C-alpha atoms as a PDB file:
ATOM      1  CA  GLN A   1      90.004 145.360  68.214  1.00  0.00           C
ATOM      2  CA  VAL A   2      90.891 148.724  69.714  1.00  0.00           C
ATOM      3  CA  GLN A   3      93.231 148.581  72.679  1.00  0.00           C
ATOM      4  CA  LEU A   4      94.341 151.376  74.979  1.00  0.00           C
ATOM      5  CA  GLN A   5      97.238 151.336  77.421  1.00  0.00           C
ATOM      6  CA  GLU A   6      97.995 153.987  80.006  1.00  0.00           C
ATOM      7  CA  SER A   7     101.525 154.641  81.179  1.00  0.00           C
ATOM      8  CA  GLY A   8     103.089 157.030  83.635  1.00  0.00           C
ATOM      9  CA  PRO A   9     104.486 157.353  87.142  1.00  0.00           C
ATOM     10  CA  GLY A  10     102.780 155.551  89.961  1.00  0.00           C
ATOM     11  CA  LEU A  11     103.786 158.145  92.532  1.00  0.00           C
ATOM     12  CA  VAL A  12     103.723 161.921  92.330  1.00  0.00           C
ATOM     13  CA  LYS A  13     104.526 164.396  95.076  1.00  0.00           C
ATOM     14  CA  PRO A  14     101.947 166.986  96.116  1.00  0.00           C
ATOM     15  CA  SER A  15     102.048 170.173  94.038  1.00  0.00           C
ATOM     16  CA  GLN A  16     103.843 168.392  91.203  1.00  0.00           C
ATOM     17  CA  THR A  17     102.552 167.711  87.695  1.00  0.00           C
ATOM     18  CA  LEU A  18     101.266 164.332  86.575  1.00  0.00           C
ATOM     19  CA  SER A  19     102.057 163.261  83.029  1.00  0.00           C
ATOM     20  CA  LEU A  20     100.289 160.254  81.536  1.00  0.00           C
ATOM     21  CA  THR A  21     100.364 158.682  78.092  1.00  0.00           C
ATOM     22  CA  CYS A  22      97.659 156.608  76.449  1.00  0.00           C
ATOM     23  CA  THR A  23      98.891 154.436  73.581  1.00  0.00           C
ATOM     24  CA  VAL A  24      96.180 153.285  71.193  1.00  0.00           C
ATOM     25  CA  SER A  25      96.339 150.293  68.867  1.00  0.00           C
ATOM     26  CA  GLY A  26      93.800 148.867  66.465  1.00  0.00           C
ATOM     27  CA  GLY A  27      92.344 152.265  65.643  1.00  0.00           C
ATOM     28  CA  SER A  28      93.467 155.772  64.784  1.00  0.00           C
ATOM     29  CA  ILE A  29      93.137 158.611  67.257  1.00  0.00           C
ATOM     30  CA  ALA A  30      92.373 160.801  64.259  1.00  0.00           C
ATOM     31  CA  ASN A  31      88.975 159.130  64.390  1.00  0.00           C
ATOM     32  CA  ASN A  32      86.527 159.324  67.305  1.00  0.00           C
ATOM     33  CA  ALA A  33      87.170 161.153  70.562  1.00  0.00           C
ATOM     34  CA  TRP A  34      89.502 160.095  73.326  1.00  0.00           C
ATOM     35  CA  THR A  35      89.039 160.806  76.996  1.00  0.00           C
ATOM     36  CA  TRP A  36      90.743 160.783  80.365  1.00  0.00           C
ATOM     37  CA  ILE A  37      88.726 159.652  83.380  1.00  0.00           C
ATOM     38  CA  ARG A  38      89.748 158.964  86.956  1.00  0.00           C
ATOM     39  CA  GLN A  39      88.338 157.236  90.001  1.00  0.00           C
ATOM     40  CA  SER A  40      89.490 158.017  93.515  1.00  0.00           C
ATOM     41  CA  PRO A  41      89.037 155.474  96.317  1.00  0.00           C
ATOM     42  CA  GLY A  42      85.414 155.309  97.396  1.00  0.00           C
ATOM     43  CA  LYS A  43      84.248 157.749  94.726  1.00  0.00           C
ATOM     44  CA  GLY A  44      82.637 157.534  91.338  1.00  0.00           C
ATOM     45  CA  LEU A  45      84.179 158.125  87.963  1.00  0.00           C
ATOM     46  CA  GLU A  46      85.272 161.679  87.249  1.00  0.00           C
ATOM     47  CA  TRP A  47      85.590 162.899  83.674  1.00  0.00           C
ATOM     48  CA  ILE A  48      88.772 164.914  83.177  1.00  0.00           C
ATOM     49  CA  GLY A  49      88.583 165.862  79.524  1.00  0.00           C
ATOM     50  CA  VAL A  50      88.453 164.792  75.903  1.00  0.00           C
ATOM     51  CA  ILE A  51      90.390 165.346  72.703  1.00  0.00           C
ATOM     52  CA  SER A  52      88.263 164.995  69.608  1.00  0.00           C
ATOM     53  CA  HIS A  53      89.147 163.602  66.190  1.00  0.00           C
ATOM     54  CA  ASP A  54      90.139 167.048  64.950  1.00  0.00           C
ATOM     55  CA  GLY A  55      92.286 167.859  67.989  1.00  0.00           C
ATOM     56  CA  SER A  56      89.760 170.058  69.776  1.00  0.00           C
ATOM     57  CA  VAL A  57      90.008 169.691  73.538  1.00  0.00           C
ATOM     58  CA  TYR A  58      87.353 170.081  76.234  1.00  0.00           C
ATOM     59  CA  TYR A  59      87.874 169.886  79.969  1.00  0.00           C
ATOM     60  CA  ASN A  60      85.920 169.337  83.142  1.00  0.00           C
ATOM     61  CA  PRO A  61      85.391 172.953  84.279  1.00  0.00           C
ATOM     62  CA  SER A  62      86.636 172.084  87.761  1.00  0.00           C
ATOM     63  CA  LEU A  63      89.978 170.925  86.329  1.00  0.00           C
ATOM     64  CA  GLU A  64      90.355 173.200  83.314  1.00  0.00           C
ATOM     65  CA  SER A  65      92.884 175.520  84.909  1.00  0.00           C
ATOM     66  CA  ARG A  66      95.237 172.635  85.709  1.00  0.00           C
ATOM     67  CA  ALA A  67      94.663 170.063  82.961  1.00  0.00           C
ATOM     68  CA  SER A  68      96.167 169.790  79.510  1.00  0.00           C
ATOM     69  CA  ILE A  69      95.348 167.105  76.938  1.00  0.00           C
ATOM     70  CA  SER A  70      97.329 166.734  73.736  1.00  0.00           C
ATOM     71  CA  ARG A  71      98.133 164.103  71.143  1.00  0.00           C
ATOM     72  CA  ASP A  72     100.752 162.771  68.742  1.00  0.00           C
ATOM     73  CA  THR A  73      98.966 161.250  65.774  1.00  0.00           C
ATOM     74  CA  SER A  74     102.231 159.891  64.348  1.00  0.00           C
ATOM     75  CA  LYS A  75     102.591 157.695  67.421  1.00  0.00           C
ATOM     76  CA  ASN A  76      98.851 157.201  67.928  1.00  0.00           C
ATOM     77  CA  GLN A  77      99.161 158.487  71.473  1.00  0.00           C
ATOM     78  CA  PHE A  78      97.382 161.093  73.521  1.00  0.00           C
ATOM     79  CA  PHE A  79      98.509 162.656  76.750  1.00  0.00           C
ATOM     80  CA  LEU A  80      97.323 164.138  80.016  1.00  0.00           C
ATOM     81  CA  GLN A  81      99.143 166.658  82.143  1.00  0.00           C
ATOM     82  CA  LEU A  82      97.575 167.657  85.444  1.00  0.00           C
ATOM     83  CA  SER A  83      99.380 170.193  87.560  1.00  0.00           C
ATOM     84  CA  ALA A  84      99.350 171.121  91.240  1.00  0.00           C
ATOM     85  CA  LEU A  85      98.204 167.708  92.382  1.00  0.00           C
ATOM     86  CA  THR A  86      96.869 167.138  95.888  1.00  0.00           C
ATOM     87  CA  PRO A  87      96.733 163.873  97.863  1.00  0.00           C
ATOM     88  CA  GLU A  88      92.954 163.822  97.288  1.00  0.00           C
ATOM     89  CA  GLU A  89      93.703 163.242  93.609  1.00  0.00           C
ATOM     90  CA  THR A  90      95.137 159.817  94.306  1.00  0.00           C
ATOM     91  CA  ALA A  91      93.172 157.698  91.864  1.00  0.00           C
ATOM     92  CA  VAL A  92      93.150 155.187  89.081  1.00  0.00           C
ATOM     93  CA  TYR A  93      93.470 157.124  85.847  1.00  0.00           C
ATOM     94  CA  TYR A  94      91.865 155.683  82.720  1.00  0.00           C
ATOM     95  CA  CYS A  95      91.905 156.525  79.050  1.00  0.00           C
ATOM     96  CA  ALA A  96      88.892 155.560  76.990  1.00  0.00           C
ATOM     97  CA  ARG A  97      87.382 156.005  73.558  1.00  0.00           C
ATOM     98  CA  TRP A  98      84.155 157.985  73.240  1.00  0.00           C
ATOM     99  CA  ALA A  99      82.260 156.397  70.371  1.00  0.00           C
ATOM    100  CA  GLU A 100      79.768 158.057  68.063  1.00  0.00           C
ATOM    101  CA  SER A 101      77.151 155.829  69.687  1.00  0.00           C
ATOM    102  CA  GLY A 102      77.512 157.967  72.803  1.00  0.00           C
ATOM    103  CA  GLU A 103      79.301 155.494  75.008  1.00  0.00           C
ATOM    104  CA  TYR A 104      82.800 154.733  76.168  1.00  0.00           C
ATOM    105  CA  ASP A 105      83.321 151.583  74.164  1.00  0.00           C
ATOM    106  CA  PHE A 106      86.979 150.829  74.793  1.00  0.00           C
ATOM    107  CA  TRP A 107      88.963 151.427  77.979  1.00  0.00           C
ATOM    108  CA  GLY A 108      92.529 151.047  79.108  1.00  0.00           C
ATOM    109  CA  GLN A 109      93.171 148.914  82.161  1.00  0.00           C
ATOM    110  CA  GLY A 110      93.877 152.008  84.245  1.00  0.00           C
ATOM    111  CA  THR A 111      96.995 153.172  85.981  1.00  0.00           C
ATOM    112  CA  GLN A 112      97.168 153.774  89.726  1.00  0.00           C
ATOM    113  CA  VAL A 113      98.567 157.163  90.688  1.00  0.00           C
ATOM    114  CA  ALA A 114      99.334 157.989  94.297  1.00  0.00           C
ATOM    115  CA  VAL A 115      99.913 161.599  95.307  1.00  0.00           C
ATOM    116  CA  SER A 116     102.084 161.518  98.389  1.00  0.00           C
ATOM    117  CA  SER A 117     105.243 162.998  99.807  1.00  0.00           C
END
C-alpha cells in the first residue's frame, strides 16, 4: 500500500517561502508521477504541479514563476517550494500520486499552512 506524508511549517509569514516535503512509502517515486495540490478555505482544489517518473516537472501556469518541485530518490521524497506567499494562499497542501489510470489514487493527509504575520 502506497502511503504519502506531508511535512513542513504550519505558519509562514507573508512574502516568505514555503518549503514542504512529501515522504512516500510502499512505492518508488521513480515510478508514476507525483503532484502537489492545495485547497484554500471555501475554494476547490488547485493543482500546483507535478514531477514525473523521469524527474520532468510541470507547473500550474499561474504559479510557475514562484513554484519549484524537486525530489530525492534516495530518500523517496519530493519537495515543494513556493515563494512570495500571500495570506490568500493559506490552505491545506496535499501531495498525491498521479496514476497511469489518470486519477490521483493515493493522497497524503494534507498539511495546514497559514500565511500570516
